[in-house]
């Protein structure tokens, strides 16, 4: 279920899920460049429904950012084109 959160909560979740792997690309530098100085945005988080959902994705719109998590298997198929 998606819930609205504060920017501080969003940052904590970004660090928790995004930096769990040094290869994820969700670094402190990325946070500083794209999120730190933003104002007027709303932040959302969708709770994982199973323990294997550990891969973080961020959906950014004009006025909001959303964190959602996928399993490794779902992440691999996320970018596949249907044949």
N, C-alpha and C. Protein backbone atom coordinates (compact mmCIF):
# COMPACT_ATOMS: atom_id res chain seq x y z
N UNK A 1 0.84 -1.17 0.00
CA UNK A 1 0.00 0.00 0.00
C UNK A 1 0.89 1.25 0.00
N UNK A 2 0.56 2.18 -0.85
CA UNK A 2 1.33 3.42 -0.95
C UNK A 2 0.88 4.39 0.13
N UNK A 3 1.87 5.09 0.71
CA UNK A 3 1.56 6.11 1.70
C UNK A 3 2.44 7.32 1.47
N UNK A 4 1.91 8.48 1.80
CA UNK A 4 2.70 9.71 1.68
C UNK A 4 3.61 9.82 2.90
N UNK A 5 4.85 10.25 2.66
CA UNK A 5 5.84 10.37 3.72
C UNK A 5 6.53 11.72 3.60
N UNK A 6 7.31 12.07 4.63
CA UNK A 6 8.07 13.31 4.59
C UNK A 6 9.34 13.12 3.76
N UNK A 7 9.97 14.21 3.41
CA UNK A 7 11.23 14.14 2.68
C UNK A 7 12.29 13.44 3.52
N UNK A 8 12.30 13.67 4.84
CA UNK A 8 13.26 13.01 5.71
C UNK A 8 13.06 11.50 5.73
N UNK A 9 11.79 11.06 5.77
CA UNK A 9 11.50 9.62 5.72
C UNK A 9 11.93 9.04 4.36
N UNK A 10 11.66 9.80 3.31
CA UNK A 10 12.05 9.38 1.96
C UNK A 10 13.56 9.17 1.88
N UNK A 11 14.31 10.11 2.44
CA UNK A 11 15.78 10.01 2.44
C UNK A 11 16.24 8.77 3.21
N UNK A 12 15.65 8.50 4.36
CA UNK A 12 16.01 7.31 5.14
C UNK A 12 15.75 6.03 4.35
N UNK A 13 14.62 5.97 3.67
CA UNK A 13 14.30 4.79 2.86
C UNK A 13 15.21 4.69 1.64
N UNK A 14 15.54 5.84 1.05
CA UNK A 14 16.49 5.88 -0.07
C UNK A 14 17.81 5.26 0.36
N UNK A 15 18.31 5.65 1.52
CA UNK A 15 19.57 5.12 2.02
C UNK A 15 19.44 3.65 2.37
N UNK A 16 18.37 3.29 3.05
CA UNK A 16 18.18 1.90 3.47
C UNK A 16 18.13 0.95 2.28
N UNK A 17 17.29 1.25 1.31
CA UNK A 17 17.10 0.33 0.19
C UNK A 17 18.03 0.59 -0.98
N UNK A 18 18.39 1.81 -1.21
CA UNK A 18 19.20 2.15 -2.38
C UNK A 18 20.67 1.88 -2.22
N UNK A 19 21.18 2.03 -1.03
CA UNK A 19 22.60 1.88 -0.83
C UNK A 19 22.96 0.54 -0.22
N UNK A 20 22.02 -0.40 -0.23
CA UNK A 20 22.32 -1.73 0.29
C UNK A 20 23.31 -2.47 -0.61
N UNK A 21 23.43 -2.04 -1.85
CA UNK A 21 24.40 -2.60 -2.78
C UNK A 21 25.23 -1.46 -3.35
N UNK A 22 26.54 -1.61 -3.34
CA UNK A 22 27.39 -0.54 -3.86
C UNK A 22 27.25 -0.38 -5.37
N UNK A 23 26.59 -1.32 -6.02
CA UNK A 23 26.42 -1.26 -7.47
C UNK A 23 25.05 -0.73 -7.89
N UNK A 24 24.25 -0.28 -6.95
CA UNK A 24 22.89 0.13 -7.27
C UNK A 24 22.82 1.47 -8.01
N UNK A 25 23.77 2.35 -7.79
CA UNK A 25 23.73 3.68 -8.39
C UNK A 25 23.03 4.71 -7.53
N UNK A 26 22.37 4.27 -6.47
CA UNK A 26 21.67 5.19 -5.57
C UNK A 26 22.66 5.66 -4.50
N UNK A 27 23.56 6.51 -4.87
CA UNK A 27 24.63 6.97 -3.99
C UNK A 27 24.25 8.27 -3.28
N UNK A 28 25.06 8.66 -2.33
CA UNK A 28 24.88 9.95 -1.65
C UNK A 28 25.03 11.08 -2.66
N UNK A 29 25.97 10.96 -3.58
CA UNK A 29 26.16 11.98 -4.62
C UNK A 29 24.90 12.15 -5.47
N UNK A 30 24.27 11.03 -5.81
CA UNK A 30 23.03 11.09 -6.59
C UNK A 30 21.95 11.81 -5.79
N UNK A 31 21.82 11.46 -4.50
CA UNK A 31 20.84 12.14 -3.64
C UNK A 31 21.11 13.64 -3.63
N UNK A 32 22.36 14.01 -3.39
CA UNK A 32 22.73 15.42 -3.32
C UNK A 32 22.42 16.16 -4.61
N UNK A 33 22.64 15.52 -5.74
CA UNK A 33 22.43 16.16 -7.05
C UNK A 33 20.96 16.30 -7.42
N UNK A 34 20.15 15.30 -7.08
CA UNK A 34 18.79 15.27 -7.60
C UNK A 34 17.68 15.51 -6.57
N UNK A 35 17.93 15.27 -5.31
CA UNK A 35 16.86 15.35 -4.32
C UNK A 35 17.08 16.39 -3.22
N UNK A 36 18.31 16.57 -2.80
CA UNK A 36 18.60 17.36 -1.60
C UNK A 36 18.01 18.77 -1.63
N UNK A 37 18.17 19.48 -2.71
CA UNK A 37 17.76 20.88 -2.75
C UNK A 37 16.38 21.11 -3.35
N UNK A 38 15.64 20.05 -3.59
CA UNK A 38 14.30 20.21 -4.14
C UNK A 38 13.33 20.70 -3.06
N UNK A 39 12.39 21.49 -3.50
CA UNK A 39 11.33 21.95 -2.61
C UNK A 39 9.99 21.79 -3.31
N UNK A 40 8.94 21.71 -2.52
CA UNK A 40 7.59 21.66 -3.09
C UNK A 40 7.19 20.32 -3.65
N UNK A 41 7.95 19.28 -3.38
CA UNK A 41 7.62 17.94 -3.88
C UNK A 41 6.88 17.15 -2.81
N UNK A 42 6.12 16.18 -3.23
CA UNK A 42 5.48 15.22 -2.33
C UNK A 42 6.22 13.90 -2.48
N UNK A 43 6.25 13.13 -1.40
CA UNK A 43 7.03 11.89 -1.37
C UNK A 43 6.13 10.73 -0.95
N UNK A 44 6.30 9.60 -1.64
CA UNK A 44 5.47 8.43 -1.39
C UNK A 44 6.34 7.19 -1.30
N UNK A 45 5.84 6.20 -0.57
CA UNK A 45 6.53 4.92 -0.41
C UNK A 45 5.50 3.81 -0.46
N UNK A 46 5.79 2.78 -1.24
CA UNK A 46 4.95 1.60 -1.29
C UNK A 46 5.66 0.49 -0.53
N UNK A 47 5.02 0.03 0.53
CA UNK A 47 5.60 -1.03 1.37
C UNK A 47 5.80 -2.31 0.54
N UNK A 48 6.92 -2.99 0.74
CA UNK A 48 7.11 -4.28 0.06
C UNK A 48 6.09 -5.29 0.59
N UNK A 49 5.63 -6.16 -0.29
CA UNK A 49 4.66 -7.18 0.11
C UNK A 49 5.31 -8.51 0.42
N UNK A 50 6.61 -8.63 0.14
CA UNK A 50 7.33 -9.85 0.48
C UNK A 50 8.79 -9.51 0.76
N UNK A 51 9.48 -10.36 1.52
CA UNK A 51 10.87 -10.09 1.89
C UNK A 51 11.84 -10.05 0.71
N UNK A 52 11.46 -10.66 -0.41
CA UNK A 52 12.37 -10.67 -1.56
C UNK A 52 12.29 -9.39 -2.39
N UNK A 53 11.43 -8.47 -2.03
CA UNK A 53 11.34 -7.19 -2.74
C UNK A 53 12.35 -6.23 -2.10
N UNK A 54 13.54 -6.21 -2.67
CA UNK A 54 14.63 -5.41 -2.12
C UNK A 54 15.24 -4.45 -3.14
N UNK A 55 14.82 -4.51 -4.38
CA UNK A 55 15.39 -3.67 -5.44
C UNK A 55 14.59 -2.37 -5.55
N UNK A 56 15.25 -1.25 -5.25
CA UNK A 56 14.56 0.03 -5.20
C UNK A 56 14.46 0.67 -6.58
N UNK A 57 13.28 1.23 -6.82
CA UNK A 57 13.03 2.05 -8.00
C UNK A 57 12.40 3.35 -7.51
N UNK A 58 12.66 4.42 -8.23
CA UNK A 58 12.04 5.71 -7.91
C UNK A 58 11.34 6.21 -9.16
N UNK A 59 10.07 6.51 -9.01
CA UNK A 59 9.27 7.11 -10.06
C UNK A 59 9.14 8.59 -9.73
N UNK A 60 9.69 9.43 -10.61
CA UNK A 60 9.67 10.87 -10.36
C UNK A 60 8.76 11.55 -11.36
N UNK A 61 7.86 12.35 -10.84
CA UNK A 61 6.98 13.15 -11.66
C UNK A 61 7.26 14.62 -11.45
N UNK A 62 6.41 15.45 -12.01
CA UNK A 62 6.62 16.90 -11.91
C UNK A 62 6.55 17.39 -10.47
N UNK A 63 5.69 16.77 -9.66
CA UNK A 63 5.51 17.27 -8.30
C UNK A 63 5.67 16.20 -7.22
N UNK A 64 6.20 15.03 -7.60
CA UNK A 64 6.33 13.98 -6.59
C UNK A 64 7.41 12.96 -6.95
N UNK A 65 7.83 12.23 -5.93
CA UNK A 65 8.74 11.09 -6.08
C UNK A 65 8.13 9.91 -5.34
N UNK A 66 8.25 8.72 -5.92
CA UNK A 66 7.72 7.52 -5.30
C UNK A 66 8.79 6.44 -5.27
N UNK A 67 8.98 5.85 -4.10
CA UNK A 67 9.86 4.68 -3.98
C UNK A 67 8.98 3.45 -4.00
N UNK A 68 9.37 2.49 -4.84
CA UNK A 68 8.73 1.18 -4.79
C UNK A 68 9.82 0.13 -4.93
N UNK A 69 9.54 -1.07 -4.48
CA UNK A 69 10.53 -2.14 -4.44
C UNK A 69 10.05 -3.33 -5.26
N UNK A 70 10.99 -3.95 -5.95
CA UNK A 70 10.71 -5.15 -6.73
C UNK A 70 11.64 -6.26 -6.29
N UNK A 71 11.25 -7.48 -6.57
CA UNK A 71 12.16 -8.60 -6.35
C UNK A 71 13.20 -8.60 -7.47
N UNK A 72 14.27 -9.33 -7.28
CA UNK A 72 15.31 -9.41 -8.31
C UNK A 72 14.73 -9.96 -9.61
N UNK A 73 13.89 -10.97 -9.50
CA UNK A 73 13.26 -11.56 -10.68
C UNK A 73 12.35 -10.55 -11.39
N UNK A 74 11.56 -9.82 -10.63
CA UNK A 74 10.67 -8.81 -11.22
C UNK A 74 11.48 -7.69 -11.86
N UNK A 75 12.60 -7.34 -11.25
CA UNK A 75 13.46 -6.30 -11.82
C UNK A 75 13.99 -6.73 -13.18
N UNK A 76 14.41 -7.97 -13.29
CA UNK A 76 14.95 -8.46 -14.56
C UNK A 76 13.90 -8.45 -15.66
N UNK A 77 12.66 -8.77 -15.34
CA UNK A 77 11.62 -8.80 -16.36
C UNK A 77 10.97 -7.43 -16.58
N UNK A 78 11.24 -6.48 -15.70
CA UNK A 78 10.64 -5.15 -15.78
C UNK A 78 10.96 -4.46 -17.10
N UNK A 79 12.17 -4.66 -17.60
CA UNK A 79 12.61 -3.96 -18.81
C UNK A 79 12.49 -4.79 -20.08
N UNK A 80 11.92 -5.97 -20.00
CA UNK A 80 11.75 -6.81 -21.18
C UNK A 80 10.54 -6.36 -21.96
N UNK A 81 10.67 -6.37 -23.29
CA UNK A 81 9.55 -6.04 -24.15
C UNK A 81 8.74 -7.31 -24.37
N UNK A 82 7.42 -7.21 -24.33
CA UNK A 82 6.62 -8.39 -24.66
C UNK A 82 6.81 -8.76 -26.13
N UNK A 83 6.84 -10.01 -26.41
CA UNK A 83 7.05 -10.42 -27.80
C UNK A 83 5.76 -10.66 -28.51
